[in-house]
Amino acid sequence: MPDPAKPGRSPWLPLALALAVLALIAAGAVAWLLHVRMQELELQLAKRIGEFDSASRQAQAVARQAGTTLDSVLARLDALEAQSLTAQNQQLALSAMYQELARSQDERVLADIEQTLSLVQEHLQLAGNVRAALIALESAEQRLSRQGKPQFAALRQAIARDVERLRLLPNADVIGLNARLDALIQNIDLLKLESESEPAAKPAKPAKTGAVDTASRFGREMWEEFKQLVRIRRLDHPDLPLLAPEQIYFVKQNLKLRLLSARLAALQGDQATWKSDLTAAQAWVTQYFNRNDPLVRGTLDSLKHLAAASVSVEGADISGSLKALNEARKVVRS
């Protein structure tokens, strides 16, 4: 029951105080909870920050390692680029050296072919030996074929054309003709001249010792001496003068020179000089030598057959191959 001594006191005051106390308690509890929550948040944040710092340090370590690796890779790349540049330079140098060696080899091959073709051309002009020229040209064409290089194709075709053209030419047997001329030259000293004296008669055997008349022996000796001074011979050419021994020597030597000139004409393919020399030699043998001698008759027959032989070969040249050789050399040097 209310205290009458304290007038005006509200009955709601304790309730208000209680509510205030409860509100303070609730506020304190909330503040405590907030404080606890803030501590938990701080702990989680500190933990997260620590984890972030650790991750950051790891990332920095990884970045430093990556930087070191990158520097190493860059250094290796620089070394590889330097090696690649060196290799390229070496490759270029090797390529240039190979090209130079190939060019030198091609030039050596062309030099050998040029020497062969020059010898063939000279041999055709001097000797007219088509067979030997064909053998040399075929050998040169086979060597170019083994090379198998396109820059030699035109030269091979030119040589093949010259080979086919030479095969169609008549082949003068210059070697055989020269062999027959050599035999004739060797037999000239054995030929018997028309004006050559008969062999001296064998001296009579001395008479047996004994009583011989001196006048008879003296008469026989005088007769033998007289026969040595006078000799009577029949000549087939009454107008032919008698030749002294030194003149006989010069006749034979001049005949040899005629035959040697004919041999040179055969080597050069000079048909006119060949026929002229052999005709003159034939006339000299007929005029100065004894035609009754078998060796003289055989010489005249040989000279007649040789004069009728042909030593000239028309169109025996390889100018096409020589021209193609010059073109091939320009291709190799370019």
Protein backbone atom coordinates (compact mmCIF):
# COMPACT_ATOMS: atom_id res chain seq x y z
CA MET A 1 0.00 0.00 0.00
CA PRO A 2 1.44 3.36 -0.79
CA ASP A 3 3.28 5.33 1.66
CA PRO A 4 1.20 8.34 2.53
CA ALA A 5 4.26 10.14 3.84
CA LYS A 6 5.71 10.65 0.42
CA PRO A 7 3.14 12.41 -1.59
CA GLY A 8 3.33 12.63 -5.47
CA ARG A 9 5.48 9.50 -5.97
CA SER A 10 4.52 7.71 -9.15
CA PRO A 11 3.95 3.98 -9.02
CA TRP A 12 5.64 3.60 -12.46
CA LEU A 13 9.01 4.78 -11.25
CA PRO A 14 10.36 1.38 -10.20
CA LEU A 15 9.16 -0.05 -13.41
CA ALA A 16 10.90 2.68 -15.33
CA LEU A 17 14.04 2.07 -13.33
CA ALA A 18 13.81 -1.58 -13.98
CA LEU A 19 13.34 -0.96 -17.64
CA ALA A 20 16.27 1.45 -17.61
CA VAL A 21 18.42 -1.11 -15.85
CA LEU A 22 17.34 -3.72 -18.35
CA ALA A 23 18.09 -1.31 -21.19
CA LEU A 24 21.54 -0.67 -19.70
CA ILE A 25 22.11 -4.35 -19.35
CA ALA A 26 20.90 -4.94 -22.87
CA ALA A 27 23.07 -2.12 -24.17
CA GLY A 28 26.04 -3.50 -22.27
CA ALA A 29 25.36 -6.95 -23.62
CA VAL A 30 25.06 -5.59 -27.11
CA ALA A 31 28.23 -3.56 -26.62
CA TRP A 32 29.95 -6.66 -25.31
CA LEU A 33 28.73 -8.71 -28.18
CA LEU A 34 29.84 -6.02 -30.59
CA HIS A 35 33.18 -5.88 -28.85
CA VAL A 36 33.54 -9.65 -29.05
CA ARG A 37 32.49 -9.54 -32.69
CA MET A 38 34.92 -6.79 -33.38
CA GLN A 39 37.69 -8.79 -31.77
CA GLU A 40 36.77 -11.79 -33.84
CA LEU A 41 36.72 -9.63 -36.93
CA GLU A 42 40.04 -8.15 -35.97
CA LEU A 43 41.47 -11.62 -35.44
CA GLN A 44 40.12 -12.78 -38.79
CA LEU A 45 41.38 -9.61 -40.43
CA ALA A 46 44.78 -10.01 -38.80
CA LYS A 47 44.79 -13.64 -39.91
CA ARG A 48 43.78 -12.64 -43.42
CA ILE A 49 46.39 -9.91 -43.44
CA GLY A 50 48.99 -12.42 -42.27
CA GLU A 51 47.92 -14.87 -44.96
CA PHE A 52 47.99 -12.03 -47.49
CA ASP A 53 51.45 -11.01 -46.30
CA SER A 54 52.63 -14.59 -46.56
CA ALA A 55 51.08 -14.94 -49.99
CA SER A 56 52.58 -11.60 -50.93
CA ARG A 57 56.00 -12.70 -49.75
CA GLN A 58 55.61 -15.97 -51.64
CA ALA A 59 54.47 -14.04 -54.68
CA GLN A 60 57.45 -11.76 -54.35
CA ALA A 61 59.74 -14.76 -53.99
CA VAL A 62 58.10 -16.37 -57.01
CA ALA A 63 58.37 -13.07 -58.87
CA ARG A 64 62.03 -12.79 -57.94
CA GLN A 65 62.57 -16.39 -59.02
CA ALA A 66 60.60 -15.71 -62.18
CA GLY A 67 62.70 -12.59 -62.76
CA THR A 68 65.87 -14.61 -62.25
CA THR A 69 64.54 -17.31 -64.57
CA LEU A 70 63.52 -14.67 -67.08
CA ASP A 71 66.98 -13.13 -66.94
CA SER A 72 68.49 -16.58 -67.42
CA VAL A 73 66.12 -17.27 -70.29
CA LEU A 74 66.92 -13.91 -71.83
CA ALA A 75 70.63 -14.61 -71.44
CA ARG A 76 70.15 -18.01 -73.05
CA LEU A 77 68.11 -16.42 -75.81
CA ASP A 78 70.87 -13.92 -76.39
CA ALA A 79 73.41 -16.75 -76.46
CA LEU A 80 71.17 -18.74 -78.82
CA GLU A 81 70.75 -15.71 -81.05
CA ALA A 82 74.51 -15.23 -81.08
CA GLN A 83 75.01 -18.92 -81.85
CA SER A 84 72.31 -18.75 -84.51
CA LEU A 85 73.96 -15.72 -86.06
CA THR A 86 77.32 -17.48 -85.94
CA ALA A 87 75.75 -20.59 -87.47
CA GLN A 88 74.15 -18.49 -90.19
CA ASN A 89 77.46 -16.80 -90.90
CA GLN A 90 79.17 -20.17 -90.98
CA GLN A 91 76.45 -21.55 -93.22
CA LEU A 92 76.83 -18.58 -95.56
CA ALA A 93 80.59 -19.04 -95.54
CA LEU A 94 80.23 -22.77 -96.18
CA SER A 95 77.70 -22.08 -98.93
CA ALA A 96 80.04 -19.57 -100.53
CA MET A 97 82.93 -22.00 -100.15
CA TYR A 98 80.86 -24.82 -101.64
CA GLN A 99 79.82 -22.62 -104.54
CA GLU A 100 83.44 -21.61 -105.05
CA LEU A 101 84.54 -25.24 -104.91
CA ALA A 102 81.74 -26.26 -107.27
CA ARG A 103 82.67 -23.39 -109.60
CA SER A 104 86.34 -24.37 -109.40
CA GLN A 105 85.45 -28.00 -110.09
CA ASP A 106 83.28 -26.98 -113.04
CA GLU A 107 86.07 -24.78 -114.36
CA ARG A 108 88.53 -27.66 -114.01
CA VAL A 109 86.18 -29.93 -115.91
CA LEU A 110 85.75 -27.29 -118.62
CA ALA A 111 89.52 -26.78 -118.77
CA ASP A 112 90.03 -30.51 -119.34
CA ILE A 113 87.28 -30.56 -121.96
CA GLU A 114 88.81 -27.48 -123.63
CA GLN A 115 92.19 -29.18 -123.80
CA THR A 116 90.61 -32.28 -125.31
CA LEU A 117 88.65 -30.28 -127.88
CA SER A 118 91.72 -28.21 -128.81
CA LEU A 119 93.76 -31.37 -129.36
CA VAL A 120 90.93 -32.87 -131.43
CA GLN A 121 90.69 -29.71 -133.57
CA GLU A 122 94.45 -29.61 -134.14
CA HIS A 123 94.53 -33.34 -134.88
CA LEU A 124 91.75 -32.97 -137.44
CA GLN A 125 93.46 -30.04 -139.12
CA LEU A 126 96.95 -31.59 -139.15
CA ALA A 127 96.32 -35.32 -139.45
CA GLY A 128 92.70 -35.58 -140.53
CA ASN A 129 92.30 -38.67 -138.34
CA VAL A 130 88.55 -38.77 -137.81
CA ARG A 131 88.64 -42.02 -135.86
CA ALA A 132 90.92 -40.66 -133.15
CA ALA A 133 88.81 -37.48 -132.99
CA LEU A 134 85.64 -39.53 -132.48
CA ILE A 135 87.23 -41.47 -129.61
CA ALA A 136 88.31 -38.25 -127.86
CA LEU A 137 84.92 -36.56 -128.36
CA GLU A 138 83.00 -39.58 -127.04
CA SER A 139 85.26 -39.66 -123.99
CA ALA A 140 84.59 -35.96 -123.33
CA GLU A 141 80.83 -36.45 -123.72
CA GLN A 142 80.85 -39.39 -121.28
CA ARG A 143 82.73 -37.33 -118.70
CA LEU A 144 80.16 -34.54 -118.95
CA SER A 145 77.39 -37.12 -118.68
CA ARG A 146 78.85 -38.42 -115.40
CA GLN A 147 78.84 -34.88 -114.00
CA GLY A 148 75.06 -34.66 -114.52
CA LYS A 149 74.99 -30.86 -114.27
CA PRO A 150 72.46 -28.78 -116.22
CA GLN A 151 75.03 -26.12 -117.13
CA PHE A 152 76.80 -28.73 -119.27
CA ALA A 153 73.71 -29.84 -121.20
CA ALA A 154 74.24 -27.50 -124.17
CA LEU A 155 77.91 -28.50 -124.42
CA ARG A 156 77.00 -32.20 -124.39
CA GLN A 157 74.48 -31.66 -127.17
CA ALA A 158 77.03 -29.75 -129.28
CA ILE A 159 79.63 -32.52 -128.83
CA ALA A 160 77.04 -35.17 -129.71
CA ARG A 161 76.15 -33.27 -132.91
CA ASP A 162 79.81 -33.01 -133.91
CA VAL A 163 80.27 -36.74 -133.23
CA GLU A 164 77.36 -37.65 -135.49
CA ARG A 165 78.61 -35.29 -138.21
CA LEU A 166 82.16 -36.70 -138.09
CA ARG A 167 80.82 -40.24 -138.35
CA LEU A 168 79.28 -39.36 -141.72
CA LEU A 169 82.59 -38.06 -143.14
CA PRO A 170 84.89 -40.28 -145.23
CA ASN A 171 87.78 -41.52 -143.13
CA ALA A 172 91.20 -41.01 -144.75
CA ASP A 173 93.67 -43.66 -143.54
CA VAL A 174 96.47 -41.18 -142.89
CA ILE A 175 98.27 -43.56 -140.53
CA GLY A 176 98.35 -46.32 -143.12
CA LEU A 177 99.50 -43.94 -145.84
CA ASN A 178 102.30 -42.62 -143.63
CA ALA A 179 103.39 -46.17 -142.85
CA ARG A 180 103.66 -46.95 -146.57
CA LEU A 181 105.62 -43.74 -147.15
CA ASP A 182 108.01 -44.66 -144.33
CA ALA A 183 108.63 -48.03 -145.99
CA LEU A 184 109.33 -46.35 -149.32
CA ILE A 185 111.74 -43.86 -147.71
CA GLN A 186 113.66 -46.70 -146.05
CA ASN A 187 113.95 -48.59 -149.38
CA ILE A 188 115.28 -45.65 -151.41
CA ASP A 189 118.90 -46.43 -150.51
CA LEU A 190 118.35 -49.97 -151.85
CA LEU A 191 117.08 -48.83 -155.26
CA LYS A 192 119.36 -49.42 -158.21
CA LEU A 193 119.99 -46.36 -160.40
CA GLU A 194 120.01 -46.59 -164.19
CA SER A 195 123.41 -44.92 -164.41
CA GLU A 196 124.96 -46.89 -161.60
CA SER A 197 128.05 -48.86 -162.71
CA GLU A 198 128.08 -52.64 -162.82
CA PRO A 199 129.77 -54.38 -159.94
CA ALA A 200 133.44 -54.84 -160.50
CA ALA A 201 134.54 -58.20 -161.84
CA LYS A 202 136.21 -60.50 -159.45
CA PRO A 203 140.00 -60.46 -159.82
CA ALA A 204 141.44 -63.49 -161.52
CA LYS A 205 143.03 -66.04 -159.36
CA PRO A 206 146.79 -65.82 -159.37
CA ALA A 207 148.45 -68.39 -161.56
CA LYS A 208 150.10 -71.27 -159.93
CA THR A 209 153.69 -70.85 -159.14
CA GLY A 210 156.08 -72.38 -161.52
CA ALA A 211 157.93 -71.64 -164.68
CA VAL A 212 155.86 -68.94 -166.41
CA ASP A 213 156.81 -66.85 -169.36
CA THR A 214 157.44 -63.26 -168.17
CA ALA A 215 156.09 -61.60 -171.32
CA SER A 216 152.85 -63.61 -171.22
CA ARG A 217 152.24 -62.69 -167.59
CA PHE A 218 152.94 -59.02 -168.30
CA GLY A 219 150.47 -59.09 -171.23
CA ARG A 220 147.68 -60.56 -169.09
CA GLU A 221 148.18 -57.93 -166.41
CA MET A 222 148.05 -55.14 -168.97
CA TRP A 223 144.81 -56.54 -170.38
CA GLU A 224 143.19 -56.67 -166.94
CA GLU A 225 144.17 -53.07 -166.27
CA PHE A 226 142.73 -52.01 -169.63
CA LYS A 227 139.39 -53.74 -168.86
CA GLN A 228 139.15 -51.81 -165.59
CA LEU A 229 139.54 -48.51 -167.46
CA VAL A 230 136.93 -49.12 -170.15
CA ARG A 231 133.41 -50.47 -169.51
CA ILE A 232 130.62 -50.77 -172.10
CA ARG A 233 126.95 -50.79 -170.86
CA ARG A 234 123.54 -50.58 -172.54
CA LEU A 235 121.23 -47.89 -171.15
CA ASP A 236 117.44 -47.84 -171.51
CA HIS A 237 117.65 -44.00 -171.52
CA PRO A 238 120.34 -43.03 -174.01
CA ASP A 239 119.95 -39.35 -173.09
CA LEU A 240 120.55 -39.95 -169.37
CA PRO A 241 123.92 -38.57 -168.28
CA LEU A 242 126.18 -40.63 -166.13
CA LEU A 243 126.01 -39.59 -162.46
CA ALA A 244 128.94 -39.22 -160.17
CA PRO A 245 128.70 -40.90 -156.73
CA GLU A 246 127.97 -37.61 -154.97
CA GLN A 247 125.22 -36.89 -157.54
CA ILE A 248 123.67 -40.29 -156.87
CA TYR A 249 123.59 -39.42 -153.16
CA PHE A 250 121.77 -36.13 -153.83
CA VAL A 251 119.26 -37.82 -156.16
CA LYS A 252 118.29 -40.25 -153.42
CA GLN A 253 118.18 -37.54 -150.75
CA ASN A 254 115.96 -35.32 -152.90
CA LEU A 255 113.64 -38.24 -153.51
CA LYS A 256 113.42 -38.77 -149.73
CA LEU A 257 112.62 -35.09 -149.26
CA ARG A 258 109.80 -35.38 -151.79
CA LEU A 259 108.30 -38.31 -149.91
CA LEU A 260 108.68 -36.49 -146.57
CA SER A 261 106.89 -33.50 -148.10
CA ALA A 262 104.10 -35.82 -149.22
CA ARG A 263 103.89 -37.21 -145.69
CA LEU A 264 103.52 -33.69 -144.29
CA ALA A 265 100.83 -32.96 -146.89
CA ALA A 266 98.97 -36.08 -145.74
CA LEU A 267 99.08 -34.91 -142.13
CA GLN A 268 97.74 -31.49 -143.17
CA GLY A 269 95.12 -32.95 -145.48
CA ASP A 270 96.62 -31.05 -148.45
CA GLN A 271 95.48 -33.13 -151.41
CA ALA A 272 97.13 -30.94 -154.09
CA THR A 273 100.60 -31.05 -152.49
CA TRP A 274 100.20 -34.76 -151.77
CA LYS A 275 99.48 -35.60 -155.39
CA SER A 276 102.15 -33.21 -156.72
CA ASP A 277 104.94 -34.65 -154.54
CA LEU A 278 104.07 -38.25 -155.30
CA THR A 279 103.81 -37.56 -159.04
CA ALA A 280 107.23 -35.88 -158.99
CA ALA A 281 108.70 -38.78 -156.99
CA GLN A 282 107.22 -41.23 -159.47
CA ALA A 283 108.81 -39.29 -162.38
CA TRP A 284 112.22 -39.25 -160.67
CA VAL A 285 112.14 -42.99 -160.01
CA THR A 286 111.16 -43.59 -163.63
CA GLN A 287 113.93 -41.30 -164.91
CA TYR A 288 116.89 -42.18 -162.71
CA PHE A 289 116.33 -45.73 -161.49
CA ASN A 290 116.47 -49.08 -163.24
CA ARG A 291 112.92 -50.19 -163.95
CA ASN A 292 114.08 -53.75 -164.56
CA ASP A 293 114.86 -54.03 -160.88
CA PRO A 294 111.94 -55.63 -158.93
CA LEU A 295 112.33 -53.21 -156.01
CA VAL A 296 112.13 -50.24 -158.39
CA ARG A 297 108.99 -51.64 -160.04
CA GLY A 298 107.38 -52.20 -156.64
CA THR A 299 108.25 -48.63 -155.63
CA LEU A 300 106.65 -47.25 -158.78
CA ASP A 301 103.47 -49.25 -158.16
CA SER A 302 103.29 -48.04 -154.57
CA LEU A 303 103.79 -44.42 -155.63
CA LYS A 304 101.04 -44.75 -158.25
CA HIS A 305 98.54 -46.15 -155.71
CA LEU A 306 99.47 -43.57 -153.09
CA ALA A 307 99.03 -40.69 -155.56
CA ALA A 308 95.49 -41.90 -156.25
CA ALA A 309 94.59 -41.98 -152.52
CA SER A 310 92.69 -39.15 -150.86
CA VAL A 311 94.08 -37.43 -147.77
CA SER A 312 91.70 -34.48 -147.47
CA VAL A 313 88.66 -34.63 -145.18
CA GLU A 314 86.18 -31.86 -145.94
CA GLY A 315 84.23 -30.40 -143.03
CA ALA A 316 86.30 -32.12 -140.31
CA ASP A 317 86.03 -29.50 -137.58
CA ILE A 318 84.36 -29.13 -134.17
CA SER A 319 83.66 -25.41 -134.17
CA GLY A 320 80.18 -26.05 -132.71
CA SER A 321 81.63 -27.78 -129.65
CA LEU A 322 84.21 -25.03 -129.13
CA LYS A 323 81.50 -22.36 -129.29
CA ALA A 324 79.32 -24.27 -126.80
CA LEU A 325 82.38 -24.60 -124.51
CA ASN A 326 82.78 -20.81 -124.39
CA GLU A 327 79.08 -20.41 -123.55
CA ALA A 328 79.33 -23.01 -120.77
CA ARG A 329 82.30 -21.17 -119.28
CA LYS A 330 80.28 -17.94 -119.18
CA VAL A 331 77.45 -19.76 -117.36
CA VAL A 332 79.82 -21.23 -114.78
CA ARG A 333 81.53 -17.91 -114.07
CA SER A 334 78.26 -16.00 -113.73
